[in-house]
N, C-alpha and C. Protein backbone atom coordinates (compact mmCIF):
# COMPACT_ATOMS: atom_id res chain seq x y z
N MET A 1 169.65 10.89 12.39
CA MET A 1 168.60 11.79 11.94
C MET A 1 168.13 11.31 10.56
N LYS A 2 166.84 11.23 10.40
CA LYS A 2 166.25 10.84 9.11
C LYS A 2 165.36 11.95 8.60
N GLU A 3 165.27 12.02 7.30
CA GLU A 3 164.41 13.01 6.63
C GLU A 3 163.19 12.27 6.08
N TYR A 4 162.03 12.85 6.32
CA TYR A 4 160.77 12.26 5.84
C TYR A 4 160.04 13.30 5.01
N GLU A 5 159.51 12.88 3.89
CA GLU A 5 158.73 13.78 3.04
C GLU A 5 157.33 13.23 2.86
N LEU A 6 156.37 14.12 2.95
CA LEU A 6 154.97 13.79 2.67
C LEU A 6 154.59 14.48 1.37
N TYR A 7 154.12 13.71 0.42
CA TYR A 7 153.63 14.25 -0.85
C TYR A 7 152.11 14.30 -0.75
N VAL A 8 151.58 15.51 -0.64
CA VAL A 8 150.16 15.69 -0.35
C VAL A 8 149.43 16.16 -1.60
N PRO A 9 148.47 15.38 -2.08
CA PRO A 9 147.71 15.78 -3.27
C PRO A 9 146.84 17.00 -2.99
N LEU A 10 146.66 17.82 -4.00
CA LEU A 10 145.83 19.02 -3.87
C LEU A 10 144.39 18.77 -4.30
N ALA A 11 144.10 17.55 -4.78
CA ALA A 11 142.73 17.20 -5.17
C ALA A 11 142.46 15.75 -4.77
N HIS A 12 141.21 15.48 -4.50
CA HIS A 12 140.76 14.12 -4.20
C HIS A 12 140.67 13.33 -5.50
N ASN A 13 140.48 12.02 -5.39
CA ASN A 13 140.41 11.17 -6.59
C ASN A 13 139.29 11.57 -7.54
N ASP A 14 138.23 12.17 -6.99
CA ASP A 14 137.13 12.59 -7.87
C ASP A 14 137.37 13.96 -8.50
N GLY A 15 138.54 14.57 -8.21
CA GLY A 15 138.88 15.85 -8.82
C GLY A 15 138.55 17.07 -7.98
N THR A 16 137.79 16.90 -6.89
CA THR A 16 137.46 18.06 -6.06
C THR A 16 138.69 18.48 -5.27
N PRO A 17 138.90 19.80 -5.13
CA PRO A 17 140.09 20.28 -4.42
C PRO A 17 140.07 19.91 -2.94
N VAL A 18 141.25 19.65 -2.40
CA VAL A 18 141.39 19.43 -0.97
C VAL A 18 141.18 20.78 -0.28
N ASP A 19 140.41 20.79 0.78
CA ASP A 19 140.14 22.00 1.54
C ASP A 19 141.47 22.54 2.08
N PRO A 20 141.80 23.81 1.83
CA PRO A 20 143.06 24.38 2.33
C PRO A 20 143.22 24.24 3.84
N LYS A 21 142.12 24.16 4.58
CA LYS A 21 142.20 23.98 6.02
C LYS A 21 142.88 22.66 6.38
N VAL A 22 142.73 21.66 5.54
CA VAL A 22 143.37 20.36 5.77
C VAL A 22 144.89 20.52 5.73
N LEU A 23 145.38 21.31 4.80
CA LEU A 23 146.83 21.55 4.70
C LEU A 23 147.34 22.31 5.93
N VAL A 24 146.56 23.26 6.40
CA VAL A 24 146.94 24.01 7.60
C VAL A 24 146.97 23.09 8.81
N GLN A 25 145.97 22.23 8.94
CA GLN A 25 145.92 21.28 10.06
C GLN A 25 147.11 20.32 10.02
N LEU A 26 147.46 19.87 8.83
CA LEU A 26 148.61 18.98 8.69
C LEU A 26 149.88 19.70 9.12
N ARG A 27 150.06 20.93 8.66
CA ARG A 27 151.23 21.72 9.03
C ARG A 27 151.31 21.87 10.55
N GLU A 28 150.20 22.20 11.17
CA GLU A 28 150.18 22.39 12.62
C GLU A 28 150.51 21.10 13.36
N ARG A 29 149.98 19.98 12.86
CA ARG A 29 150.25 18.70 13.50
C ARG A 29 151.73 18.32 13.39
N LEU A 30 152.31 18.51 12.21
CA LEU A 30 153.72 18.19 12.02
C LEU A 30 154.61 19.08 12.88
N LEU A 31 154.26 20.34 12.96
CA LEU A 31 155.02 21.27 13.78
C LEU A 31 154.97 20.85 15.25
N ALA A 32 153.79 20.45 15.71
CA ALA A 32 153.65 20.02 17.11
C ALA A 32 154.41 18.72 17.38
N GLU A 33 154.36 17.78 16.43
CA GLU A 33 154.98 16.48 16.64
C GLU A 33 156.49 16.48 16.47
N PHE A 34 157.00 17.29 15.54
CA PHE A 34 158.42 17.24 15.20
C PHE A 34 159.17 18.52 15.53
N GLY A 35 158.47 19.57 15.94
CA GLY A 35 159.14 20.80 16.33
C GLY A 35 159.59 21.66 15.18
N GLY A 36 159.33 21.24 13.97
CA GLY A 36 159.71 22.02 12.80
C GLY A 36 159.37 21.27 11.52
N LEU A 37 159.32 21.98 10.42
CA LEU A 37 159.05 21.37 9.12
C LEU A 37 159.44 22.34 8.03
N THR A 38 159.58 21.81 6.84
CA THR A 38 159.77 22.62 5.65
C THR A 38 158.59 22.33 4.75
N PHE A 39 158.00 23.39 4.22
CA PHE A 39 156.82 23.27 3.35
C PHE A 39 157.19 23.83 1.98
N PHE A 40 156.95 23.03 0.96
CA PHE A 40 157.18 23.45 -0.42
C PHE A 40 155.82 23.69 -1.06
N PRO A 41 155.32 24.96 -0.99
CA PRO A 41 153.95 25.23 -1.43
C PRO A 41 153.76 25.25 -2.94
N GLN A 42 154.84 25.39 -3.71
CA GLN A 42 154.65 25.42 -5.15
C GLN A 42 154.16 24.06 -5.62
N PRO A 43 153.13 24.04 -6.44
CA PRO A 43 152.61 22.76 -6.91
C PRO A 43 153.67 21.98 -7.70
N ASN A 44 153.74 20.72 -7.42
CA ASN A 44 154.59 19.78 -8.14
C ASN A 44 153.68 18.75 -8.78
N GLU A 45 154.21 18.02 -9.72
CA GLU A 45 153.40 16.99 -10.37
C GLU A 45 153.94 15.62 -9.99
N GLY A 46 153.02 14.71 -9.70
CA GLY A 46 153.35 13.32 -9.46
C GLY A 46 152.68 12.47 -10.53
N PHE A 47 153.38 11.46 -10.99
CA PHE A 47 152.85 10.56 -12.02
C PHE A 47 153.03 9.12 -11.57
N TRP A 48 152.08 8.28 -11.91
CA TRP A 48 152.21 6.85 -11.69
C TRP A 48 151.36 6.12 -12.70
N THR A 49 151.76 4.90 -12.99
CA THR A 49 151.03 4.07 -13.95
C THR A 49 150.45 2.87 -13.24
N PHE A 50 149.17 2.64 -13.51
CA PHE A 50 148.48 1.50 -12.92
C PHE A 50 147.54 0.94 -13.98
N GLY A 51 147.62 -0.35 -14.23
CA GLY A 51 146.75 -0.98 -15.21
C GLY A 51 146.90 -0.41 -16.61
N GLY A 52 148.12 0.02 -16.96
CA GLY A 52 148.38 0.56 -18.28
C GLY A 52 147.94 2.01 -18.47
N VAL A 53 147.44 2.64 -17.41
CA VAL A 53 146.99 4.04 -17.48
C VAL A 53 147.93 4.88 -16.62
N THR A 54 148.39 6.00 -17.15
CA THR A 54 149.24 6.91 -16.39
C THR A 54 148.37 8.00 -15.78
N TYR A 55 148.51 8.18 -14.48
CA TYR A 55 147.75 9.18 -13.73
C TYR A 55 148.67 10.33 -13.35
N ARG A 56 148.09 11.50 -13.10
CA ARG A 56 148.83 12.69 -12.74
C ARG A 56 148.15 13.37 -11.56
N ASP A 57 148.94 13.80 -10.60
CA ASP A 57 148.45 14.55 -9.44
C ASP A 57 149.25 15.84 -9.31
N GLU A 58 148.60 16.90 -8.84
CA GLU A 58 149.32 18.06 -8.35
C GLU A 58 149.48 17.86 -6.85
N ILE A 59 150.70 18.06 -6.37
CA ILE A 59 151.00 17.83 -4.96
C ILE A 59 151.80 19.00 -4.39
N VAL A 60 151.80 19.08 -3.06
CA VAL A 60 152.75 19.91 -2.33
C VAL A 60 153.54 18.98 -1.42
N VAL A 61 154.69 19.46 -0.95
CA VAL A 61 155.58 18.61 -0.18
C VAL A 61 155.81 19.21 1.21
N TYR A 62 155.69 18.35 2.23
CA TYR A 62 156.07 18.69 3.60
C TYR A 62 157.27 17.81 3.96
N ARG A 63 158.28 18.41 4.58
CA ARG A 63 159.48 17.66 4.98
C ARG A 63 159.75 17.90 6.46
N VAL A 64 160.04 16.81 7.17
CA VAL A 64 160.44 16.91 8.57
C VAL A 64 161.70 16.08 8.78
N LEU A 65 162.44 16.42 9.83
CA LEU A 65 163.61 15.67 10.25
C LEU A 65 163.32 15.10 11.63
N SER A 66 163.74 13.85 11.85
CA SER A 66 163.50 13.24 13.15
C SER A 66 164.53 12.16 13.42
N ASP A 67 164.94 12.05 14.68
CA ASP A 67 165.78 10.93 15.08
C ASP A 67 164.95 9.87 15.80
N ARG A 68 163.63 10.07 15.83
CA ARG A 68 162.71 9.12 16.46
C ARG A 68 161.99 8.33 15.36
N VAL A 69 162.65 7.35 14.82
CA VAL A 69 162.18 6.63 13.63
C VAL A 69 160.82 5.98 13.86
N ARG A 70 160.64 5.27 14.95
CA ARG A 70 159.36 4.59 15.19
C ARG A 70 158.21 5.58 15.31
N ILE A 71 158.44 6.65 16.03
CA ILE A 71 157.39 7.66 16.20
C ILE A 71 157.06 8.31 14.86
N ALA A 72 158.09 8.63 14.07
CA ALA A 72 157.87 9.25 12.77
C ALA A 72 157.07 8.33 11.86
N ARG A 73 157.45 7.07 11.80
CA ARG A 73 156.74 6.12 10.93
C ARG A 73 155.29 5.96 11.37
N ALA A 74 155.07 5.91 12.67
CA ALA A 74 153.69 5.80 13.17
C ALA A 74 152.90 7.05 12.81
N SER A 75 153.52 8.20 12.94
CA SER A 75 152.85 9.46 12.62
C SER A 75 152.46 9.51 11.15
N PHE A 76 153.37 9.12 10.28
CA PHE A 76 153.07 9.17 8.86
C PHE A 76 152.07 8.10 8.46
N GLY A 77 152.07 6.99 9.14
CA GLY A 77 151.03 5.99 8.91
C GLY A 77 149.66 6.53 9.23
N ASN A 78 149.57 7.33 10.30
CA ASN A 78 148.30 7.97 10.68
C ASN A 78 147.91 9.04 9.68
N SER A 79 148.89 9.72 9.08
CA SER A 79 148.59 10.76 8.09
C SER A 79 147.90 10.17 6.86
N ARG A 80 148.31 8.99 6.47
CA ARG A 80 147.73 8.35 5.30
C ARG A 80 146.25 8.03 5.51
N LYS A 81 145.87 7.81 6.77
CA LYS A 81 144.50 7.44 7.08
C LYS A 81 143.60 8.65 7.15
N SER A 82 144.18 9.84 7.26
CA SER A 82 143.40 11.08 7.44
C SER A 82 142.76 11.51 6.14
């Protein structure tokens, strides 16, 4: 069994908020694909440095457990494209 976490930003790169419906759709998709999930709705902060500049994001976290590693990795690869 492996644990997978998705760190989902609450705003797009231009600063506009992510539509809450997108978060609901993601939750529904994860529930359908994995049969369960844990959602951490409290905003968390993510930081990264690129080109000498430190960026900050507000994120929420979705966690799923799966023993189907290939399917999980494929699913999360598709999530990044959404």
